[in-house]
C-alpha atoms as a PDB file:
ATOM      1  CA  MET A   1       0.000   0.000   0.000  1.00  0.00           C
ATOM      2  CA  GLN A   2       2.840   2.385   0.845  1.00  0.00           C
ATOM      3  CA  ARG A   3       4.496   1.656  -2.515  1.00  0.00           C
ATOM      4  CA  LEU A   4       1.240   2.495  -4.329  1.00  0.00           C
ATOM      5  CA  LEU A   5       0.935   5.755  -2.389  1.00  0.00           C
ATOM      6  CA  SER A   6       4.549   6.656  -3.250  1.00  0.00           C
ATOM      7  CA  ARG A   7       3.924   6.084  -6.958  1.00  0.00           C
ATOM      8  CA  LEU A   8       0.740   8.154  -6.828  1.00  0.00           C
ATOM      9  CA  LEU A   9       2.610  11.029  -5.194  1.00  0.00           C
ATOM     10  CA  VAL A  10       5.297  10.906  -7.903  1.00  0.00           C
ATOM     11  CA  CYS A  11       2.618  11.058 -10.607  1.00  0.00           C
ATOM     12  CA  VAL A  12       0.931  14.019  -8.922  1.00  0.00           C
ATOM     13  CA  ALA A  13       4.302  15.794  -8.625  1.00  0.00           C
ATOM     14  CA  LEU A  14       4.857  15.411 -12.381  1.00  0.00           C
ATOM     15  CA  VAL A  15       1.671  17.290 -13.205  1.00  0.00           C
ATOM     16  CA  ALA A  16       2.198  21.041 -13.414  1.00  0.00           C
ATOM     17  CA  PRO A  17      -0.417  23.428 -11.966  1.00  0.00           C
ATOM     18  CA  GLY A  18      -1.896  24.052 -15.443  1.00  0.00           C
ATOM     19  CA  GLY A  19      -2.575  20.343 -15.846  1.00  0.00           C
ATOM     20  CA  SER A  20       0.304  19.619 -18.229  1.00  0.00           C
ATOM     21  CA  ILE A  21       2.762  16.844 -17.503  1.00  0.00           C
ATOM     22  CA  VAL A  22       6.302  17.911 -16.682  1.00  0.00           C
ATOM     23  CA  LEU A  23       8.808  15.511 -18.204  1.00  0.00           C
ATOM     24  CA  GLY A  24      11.851  17.739 -18.730  1.00  0.00           C
ATOM     25  CA  HIS A  25      14.881  17.517 -16.519  1.00  0.00           C
ATOM     26  CA  GLY A  26      17.315  20.199 -15.528  1.00  0.00           C
ATOM     27  CA  GLY A  27      20.852  20.085 -14.333  1.00  0.00           C
ATOM     28  CA  HIS A  28      22.499  19.043 -17.572  1.00  0.00           C
ATOM     29  CA  ASP A  29      24.746  21.073 -19.861  1.00  0.00           C
ATOM     30  CA  HIS A  30      23.756  22.342 -23.292  1.00  0.00           C
ATOM     31  CA  LYS A  31      26.031  22.758 -26.294  1.00  0.00           C
ATOM     32  CA  VAL A  32      25.663  25.857 -28.449  1.00  0.00           C
ATOM     33  CA  MET A  33      27.569  25.777 -31.738  1.00  0.00           C
ATOM     34  CA  GLY A  34      27.728  28.615 -34.193  1.00  0.00           C
ATOM     35  CA  THR A  35      29.298  31.875 -35.238  1.00  0.00           C
ATOM     36  CA  VAL A  36      29.851  34.799 -32.886  1.00  0.00           C
ATOM     37  CA  THR A  37      27.920  37.908 -33.908  1.00  0.00           C
ATOM     38  CA  ALA A  38      28.939  39.988 -30.869  1.00  0.00           C
ATOM     39  CA  ALA A  39      31.089  39.531 -27.781  1.00  0.00           C
ATOM     40  CA  ALA A  40      31.527  41.546 -24.598  1.00  0.00           C
ATOM     41  CA  ALA A  41      33.049  40.922 -21.176  1.00  0.00           C
ATOM     42  CA  HIS A  42      29.771  39.546 -19.790  1.00  0.00           C
ATOM     43  CA  GLN A  43      28.113  37.893 -22.790  1.00  0.00           C
ATOM     44  CA  VAL A  44      28.608  36.255 -26.169  1.00  0.00           C
ATOM     45  CA  VAL A  45      25.970  36.311 -28.900  1.00  0.00           C
ATOM     46  CA  VAL A  46      26.042  33.283 -31.220  1.00  0.00           C
ATOM     47  CA  LYS A  47      24.152  32.635 -34.441  1.00  0.00           C
ATOM     48  CA  GLU A  48      23.473  28.908 -34.730  1.00  0.00           C
ATOM     49  CA  LYS A  49      23.396  26.970 -37.999  1.00  0.00           C
ATOM     50  CA  ASP A  50      19.579  27.160 -38.107  1.00  0.00           C
ATOM     51  CA  GLY A  51      19.754  30.976 -37.920  1.00  0.00           C
ATOM     52  CA  LYS A  52      18.648  31.225 -34.297  1.00  0.00           C
ATOM     53  CA  THR A  53      20.529  33.802 -32.218  1.00  0.00           C
ATOM     54  CA  VAL A  54      21.459  32.863 -28.653  1.00  0.00           C
ATOM     55  CA  THR A  55      22.872  35.186 -25.979  1.00  0.00           C
ATOM     56  CA  ILE A  56      25.002  33.429 -23.383  1.00  0.00           C
ATOM     57  CA  GLN A  57      26.246  34.971 -20.143  1.00  0.00           C
ATOM     58  CA  VAL A  58      29.975  34.912 -19.403  1.00  0.00           C
ATOM     59  CA  THR A  59      31.050  34.876 -15.751  1.00  0.00           C
ATOM     60  CA  PRO A  60      34.441  34.921 -14.020  1.00  0.00           C
ATOM     61  CA  GLU A  61      34.100  31.113 -13.729  1.00  0.00           C
ATOM     62  CA  THR A  62      33.749  30.689 -17.510  1.00  0.00           C
ATOM     63  CA  ARG A  63      36.776  28.973 -19.061  1.00  0.00           C
ATOM     64  CA  ILE A  64      37.742  30.199 -22.511  1.00  0.00           C
ATOM     65  CA  LYS A  65      39.785  27.720 -24.538  1.00  0.00           C
ATOM     66  CA  ALA A  66      41.630  29.560 -27.287  1.00  0.00           C
ATOM     67  CA  THR A  67      45.070  29.695 -28.834  1.00  0.00           C
ATOM     68  CA  PRO A  68      46.384  32.275 -28.160  1.00  0.00           C
ATOM     69  CA  ALA A  69      44.532  32.915 -24.867  1.00  0.00           C
ATOM     70  CA  LEU A  70      41.633  35.362 -25.158  1.00  0.00           C
ATOM     71  CA  LYS A  71      39.110  37.119 -22.981  1.00  0.00           C
ATOM     72  CA  ALA A  72      35.444  36.989 -24.002  1.00  0.00           C
ATOM     73  CA  GLU A  73      35.446  40.576 -25.278  1.00  0.00           C
ATOM     74  CA  GLN A  74      38.387  39.732 -27.600  1.00  0.00           C
ATOM     75  CA  ILE A  75      36.432  37.110 -29.563  1.00  0.00           C
ATOM     76  CA  LYS A  76      35.796  38.631 -32.981  1.00  0.00           C
ATOM     77  CA  PRO A  77      32.489  38.443 -34.878  1.00  0.00           C
ATOM     78  CA  GLY A  78      32.638  35.646 -37.433  1.00  0.00           C
ATOM     79  CA  THR A  79      34.586  33.337 -35.117  1.00  0.00           C
ATOM     80  CA  ARG A  80      33.188  29.838 -34.717  1.00  0.00           C
ATOM     81  CA  VAL A  81      32.607  28.642 -31.154  1.00  0.00           C
ATOM     82  CA  VAL A  82      31.293  25.694 -29.210  1.00  0.00           C
ATOM     83  CA  ILE A  83      29.891  26.751 -25.852  1.00  0.00           C
ATOM     84  CA  THR A  84      29.006  24.397 -23.026  1.00  0.00           C
ATOM     85  CA  ALA A  85      26.396  26.189 -20.926  1.00  0.00           C
ATOM     86  CA  SER A  86      23.961  25.622 -18.108  1.00  0.00           C
ATOM     87  CA  VAL A  87      20.422  26.973 -18.058  1.00  0.00           C
ATOM     88  CA  ASN A  88      19.473  29.361 -15.259  1.00  0.00           C
ATOM     89  CA  LYS A  89      16.063  29.374 -13.576  1.00  0.00           C
ATOM     90  CA  ASP A  90      14.988  32.273 -15.821  1.00  0.00           C
ATOM     91  CA  ASN A  91      15.923  30.186 -18.936  1.00  0.00           C
ATOM     92  CA  SER A  92      18.983  32.313 -19.664  1.00  0.00           C
ATOM     93  CA  MET A  93      22.216  30.478 -20.407  1.00  0.00           C
ATOM     94  CA  ARG A  94      25.501  30.758 -18.506  1.00  0.00           C
ATOM     95  CA  ALA A  95      28.720  29.649 -20.223  1.00  0.00           C
ATOM     96  CA  LYS A  96      30.897  27.087 -18.483  1.00  0.00           C
ATOM     97  CA  ILE A  97      33.339  26.576 -21.367  1.00  0.00           C
ATOM     98  CA  VAL A  98      33.810  28.586 -24.564  1.00  0.00           C
ATOM     99  CA  GLU A  99      35.876  26.735 -27.158  1.00  0.00           C
ATOM    100  CA  VAL A 100      37.094  29.209 -29.747  1.00  0.00           C
ATOM    101  CA  GLY A 101      37.673  27.975 -33.287  1.00  0.00           C
ATOM    102  CA  ALA A 102      38.700  29.688 -36.490  1.00  0.00           C
ATOM    103  CA  ALA A 103      37.097  32.773 -37.939  1.00  0.00           C
ATOM    104  CA  THR A 104      34.740  32.113 -40.832  1.00  0.00           C
ATOM    105  CA  PRO A 105      36.452  33.152 -44.068  1.00  0.00           C
ATOM    106  CA  ALA A 106      34.863  36.078 -45.874  1.00  0.00           C
ATOM    107  CA  VAL A 107      32.860  35.151 -48.967  1.00  0.00           C
ATOM    108  CA  LYS A 108      34.046  36.954 -52.105  1.00  0.00           C
END
């Protein structure tokens, strides 16, 4: 009986107040891959392959992997990046690792 009650409570907990079922899970990292359109000390804006633009927060804990070493504000528009980020409670993204690749060559 206690096992049945436990399962019922789990099912009730999965139902959001609006009646929809909550199946997503947090706490995992997201990868954002694309081309930098703007970079500043506290954020990087990336245009993904599908054309979607994503703004990602940069914090003092963010590691930037680049050769030579760079700060976030030194990443030039047109540079390809792979960013490992976590999602904040407000659905904004915070960069854990920014891997800086090559700049996209200009099309003639």
